[in-house]
Amino acid sequence: MSIQMVLLPIFVQIGLTFALLLWRGNASTARDARGTESFHEELGVPMLFYVLIAIAQPIRHADLVIVMLSWVFVVTRFANAGMLVTSNGGRQRSLAWYASVLVLLAMWLYFALKILLLI
């Protein structure tokens, strides 16, 4: 798997984080406060994503499955951030957050099994 294919979802995720950072403003309104909350959320769960890729790429275990799951993870993070910033739609945002966590869990399980089973 090429380094560009592996890192592109990372760059997109980082772009989302910077966009939220720049958009959040001074948090003087409820909408700005949601932007701040969304920015802080992009510093939590995605950290496990960054760590996984940082470990998997150098040891050549970032395969097509990891890349595809990375894109699913990034899409769910965009959905979560978009819902939080625009409407704070509780149930839908909660589902997007859980979806991103489950995808990330699947990525870690897949990675761990590849390492432990020497696949």
C-alpha atoms as a PDB file:
ATOM      1  CA  MET A   1       0.000   0.000   0.000  1.00  0.00           C
ATOM      2  CA  SER A   2       1.472   3.374  -0.952  1.00  0.00           C
ATOM      3  CA  ILE A   3       2.279   5.885   1.722  1.00  0.00           C
ATOM      4  CA  GLN A   4      -0.008   8.417   0.019  1.00  0.00           C
ATOM      5  CA  MET A   5      -3.011   6.099   0.248  1.00  0.00           C
ATOM      6  CA  VAL A   6      -2.322   5.396   3.912  1.00  0.00           C
ATOM      7  CA  LEU A   7      -1.742   9.014   4.899  1.00  0.00           C
ATOM      8  CA  LEU A   8      -4.489  10.718   2.873  1.00  0.00           C
ATOM      9  CA  PRO A   9      -7.242   9.912   5.439  1.00  0.00           C
ATOM     10  CA  ILE A  10      -4.921  11.286   8.156  1.00  0.00           C
ATOM     11  CA  PHE A  11      -4.476  14.535   6.233  1.00  0.00           C
ATOM     12  CA  VAL A  12      -8.238  14.850   5.744  1.00  0.00           C
ATOM     13  CA  GLN A  13      -8.861  14.213   9.460  1.00  0.00           C
ATOM     14  CA  ILE A  14      -6.244  16.799  10.394  1.00  0.00           C
ATOM     15  CA  GLY A  15      -7.865  19.201   7.934  1.00  0.00           C
ATOM     16  CA  LEU A  16     -11.171  18.746   9.763  1.00  0.00           C
ATOM     17  CA  THR A  17      -9.473  19.462  13.079  1.00  0.00           C
ATOM     18  CA  PHE A  18      -7.850  22.649  11.775  1.00  0.00           C
ATOM     19  CA  ALA A  19     -11.106  23.777  10.140  1.00  0.00           C
ATOM     20  CA  LEU A  20     -12.909  23.407  13.462  1.00  0.00           C
ATOM     21  CA  LEU A  21     -10.091  25.202  15.253  1.00  0.00           C
ATOM     22  CA  LEU A  22     -10.232  28.146  12.878  1.00  0.00           C
ATOM     23  CA  TRP A  23     -14.055  28.212  12.797  1.00  0.00           C
ATOM     24  CA  ARG A  24     -14.699  28.047  16.502  1.00  0.00           C
ATOM     25  CA  GLY A  25     -14.078  31.747  17.016  1.00  0.00           C
ATOM     26  CA  ASN A  26     -14.234  33.121  20.525  1.00  0.00           C
ATOM     27  CA  ALA A  27     -17.132  30.903  21.677  1.00  0.00           C
ATOM     28  CA  SER A  28     -19.357  33.907  22.337  1.00  0.00           C
ATOM     29  CA  THR A  29     -22.493  32.289  20.961  1.00  0.00           C
ATOM     30  CA  ALA A  30     -24.047  28.857  21.344  1.00  0.00           C
ATOM     31  CA  ARG A  31     -22.998  28.017  17.794  1.00  0.00           C
ATOM     32  CA  ASP A  32     -19.392  29.001  18.525  1.00  0.00           C
ATOM     33  CA  ALA A  33     -19.492  26.942  21.722  1.00  0.00           C
ATOM     34  CA  ARG A  34     -20.576  23.909  19.692  1.00  0.00           C
ATOM     35  CA  GLY A  35     -17.619  24.567  17.390  1.00  0.00           C
ATOM     36  CA  THR A  36     -15.299  24.573  20.382  1.00  0.00           C
ATOM     37  CA  GLU A  37     -16.809  21.318  21.659  1.00  0.00           C
ATOM     38  CA  SER A  38     -16.472  19.764  18.220  1.00  0.00           C
ATOM     39  CA  PHE A  39     -12.829  20.839  18.015  1.00  0.00           C
ATOM     40  CA  HIS A  40     -12.105  19.265  21.403  1.00  0.00           C
ATOM     41  CA  GLU A  41     -13.805  16.048  20.306  1.00  0.00           C
ATOM     42  CA  GLU A  42     -11.414  15.883  17.346  1.00  0.00           C
ATOM     43  CA  LEU A  43      -8.513  15.740  19.786  1.00  0.00           C
ATOM     44  CA  GLY A  44      -9.819  12.689  21.671  1.00  0.00           C
ATOM     45  CA  VAL A  45     -10.911   9.632  19.715  1.00  0.00           C
ATOM     46  CA  PRO A  46      -8.850  10.486  16.601  1.00  0.00           C
ATOM     47  CA  MET A  47      -5.681  10.266  18.680  1.00  0.00           C
ATOM     48  CA  LEU A  48      -6.113   6.471  18.730  1.00  0.00           C
ATOM     49  CA  PHE A  49      -6.491   6.622  14.946  1.00  0.00           C
ATOM     50  CA  TYR A  50      -3.259   8.575  14.543  1.00  0.00           C
ATOM     51  CA  VAL A  51      -1.392   6.178  16.817  1.00  0.00           C
ATOM     52  CA  LEU A  52      -2.641   3.140  14.903  1.00  0.00           C
ATOM     53  CA  ILE A  53      -1.475   4.510  11.568  1.00  0.00           C
ATOM     54  CA  ALA A  54       1.813   5.695  13.076  1.00  0.00           C
ATOM     55  CA  ILE A  55       2.485   2.139  14.225  1.00  0.00           C
ATOM     56  CA  ALA A  56       1.031   0.229  11.261  1.00  0.00           C
ATOM     57  CA  GLN A  57       2.730   2.144   8.448  1.00  0.00           C
ATOM     58  CA  PRO A  58       6.386   1.690   9.422  1.00  0.00           C
ATOM     59  CA  ILE A  59       5.961  -2.034  10.021  1.00  0.00           C
ATOM     60  CA  ARG A  60       4.070  -2.430   6.730  1.00  0.00           C
ATOM     61  CA  HIS A  61       0.779  -3.559   8.226  1.00  0.00           C
ATOM     62  CA  ALA A  62      -1.295  -0.699   6.802  1.00  0.00           C
ATOM     63  CA  ASP A  63      -3.082  -2.657   4.083  1.00  0.00           C
ATOM     64  CA  LEU A  64      -6.207  -2.029   2.018  1.00  0.00           C
ATOM     65  CA  VAL A  65      -8.502  -2.998   4.910  1.00  0.00           C
ATOM     66  CA  ILE A  66      -6.838  -0.430   7.179  1.00  0.00           C
ATOM     67  CA  VAL A  67      -7.074   2.254   4.478  1.00  0.00           C
ATOM     68  CA  MET A  68     -10.756   1.551   3.768  1.00  0.00           C
ATOM     69  CA  LEU A  69     -11.610   1.541   7.469  1.00  0.00           C
ATOM     70  CA  SER A  70      -9.628   4.771   7.822  1.00  0.00           C
ATOM     71  CA  TRP A  71     -11.888   6.428   5.263  1.00  0.00           C
ATOM     72  CA  VAL A  72     -15.003   5.142   7.025  1.00  0.00           C
ATOM     73  CA  PHE A  73     -13.629   6.502  10.299  1.00  0.00           C
ATOM     74  CA  VAL A  74     -12.940   9.923   8.775  1.00  0.00           C
ATOM     75  CA  VAL A  75     -16.416  10.092   7.212  1.00  0.00           C
ATOM     76  CA  THR A  76     -18.039   9.303  10.559  1.00  0.00           C
ATOM     77  CA  ARG A  77     -15.911  11.995  12.232  1.00  0.00           C
ATOM     78  CA  PHE A  78     -17.080  14.517   9.613  1.00  0.00           C
ATOM     79  CA  ALA A  79     -20.683  13.471  10.240  1.00  0.00           C
ATOM     80  CA  ASN A  80     -20.236  13.834  13.985  1.00  0.00           C
ATOM     81  CA  ALA A  81     -18.587  17.257  13.682  1.00  0.00           C
ATOM     82  CA  GLY A  82     -21.136  18.480  11.148  1.00  0.00           C
ATOM     83  CA  MET A  83     -24.063  17.503  13.346  1.00  0.00           C
ATOM     84  CA  LEU A  84     -22.486  19.052  16.414  1.00  0.00           C
ATOM     85  CA  VAL A  85     -21.636  22.337  14.705  1.00  0.00           C
ATOM     86  CA  THR A  86     -24.914  22.796  12.831  1.00  0.00           C
ATOM     87  CA  SER A  87     -27.672  21.358  14.956  1.00  0.00           C
ATOM     88  CA  ASN A  88     -26.284  19.351  17.857  1.00  0.00           C
ATOM     89  CA  GLY A  89     -28.784  16.640  16.860  1.00  0.00           C
ATOM     90  CA  GLY A  90     -28.350  14.449  19.911  1.00  0.00           C
ATOM     91  CA  ARG A  91     -29.333  10.970  18.734  1.00  0.00           C
ATOM     92  CA  GLN A  92     -27.873  11.208  15.225  1.00  0.00           C
ATOM     93  CA  ARG A  93     -24.641  12.714  16.525  1.00  0.00           C
ATOM     94  CA  SER A  94     -24.440  10.033  19.160  1.00  0.00           C
ATOM     95  CA  LEU A  95     -24.833   7.383  16.459  1.00  0.00           C
ATOM     96  CA  ALA A  96     -22.093   9.007  14.358  1.00  0.00           C
ATOM     97  CA  TRP A  97     -19.795   9.121  17.389  1.00  0.00           C
ATOM     98  CA  TYR A  98     -20.457   5.463  18.245  1.00  0.00           C
ATOM     99  CA  ALA A  99     -19.981   4.486  14.602  1.00  0.00           C
ATOM    100  CA  SER A 100     -16.564   6.168  14.561  1.00  0.00           C
ATOM    101  CA  VAL A 101     -15.566   4.440  17.796  1.00  0.00           C
ATOM    102  CA  LEU A 102     -16.723   1.038  16.519  1.00  0.00           C
ATOM    103  CA  VAL A 103     -14.837   1.491  13.246  1.00  0.00           C
ATOM    104  CA  LEU A 104     -11.729   2.458  15.196  1.00  0.00           C
ATOM    105  CA  LEU A 105     -12.172  -0.573  17.456  1.00  0.00           C
ATOM    106  CA  ALA A 106     -12.472  -2.787  14.366  1.00  0.00           C
ATOM    107  CA  MET A 107      -9.284  -1.251  12.985  1.00  0.00           C
ATOM    108  CA  TRP A 108      -7.385  -1.962  16.208  1.00  0.00           C
ATOM    109  CA  LEU A 109      -8.718  -5.513  16.449  1.00  0.00           C
ATOM    110  CA  TYR A 110      -7.803  -6.210  12.827  1.00  0.00           C
ATOM    111  CA  PHE A 111      -4.333  -4.750  13.362  1.00  0.00           C
ATOM    112  CA  ALA A 112      -3.784  -6.673  16.593  1.00  0.00           C
ATOM    113  CA  LEU A 113      -4.872  -9.954  15.002  1.00  0.00           C
ATOM    114  CA  LYS A 114      -2.529  -9.368  12.049  1.00  0.00           C
ATOM    115  CA  ILE A 115       0.372  -8.821  14.437  1.00  0.00           C
ATOM    116  CA  LEU A 116      -0.472 -11.622  16.873  1.00  0.00           C
ATOM    117  CA  LEU A 117      -1.261 -14.201  14.189  1.00  0.00           C
ATOM    118  CA  LEU A 118       1.664 -13.062  12.013  1.00  0.00           C
ATOM    119  CA  ILE A 119      -0.559 -12.566   8.990  1.00  0.00           C
END
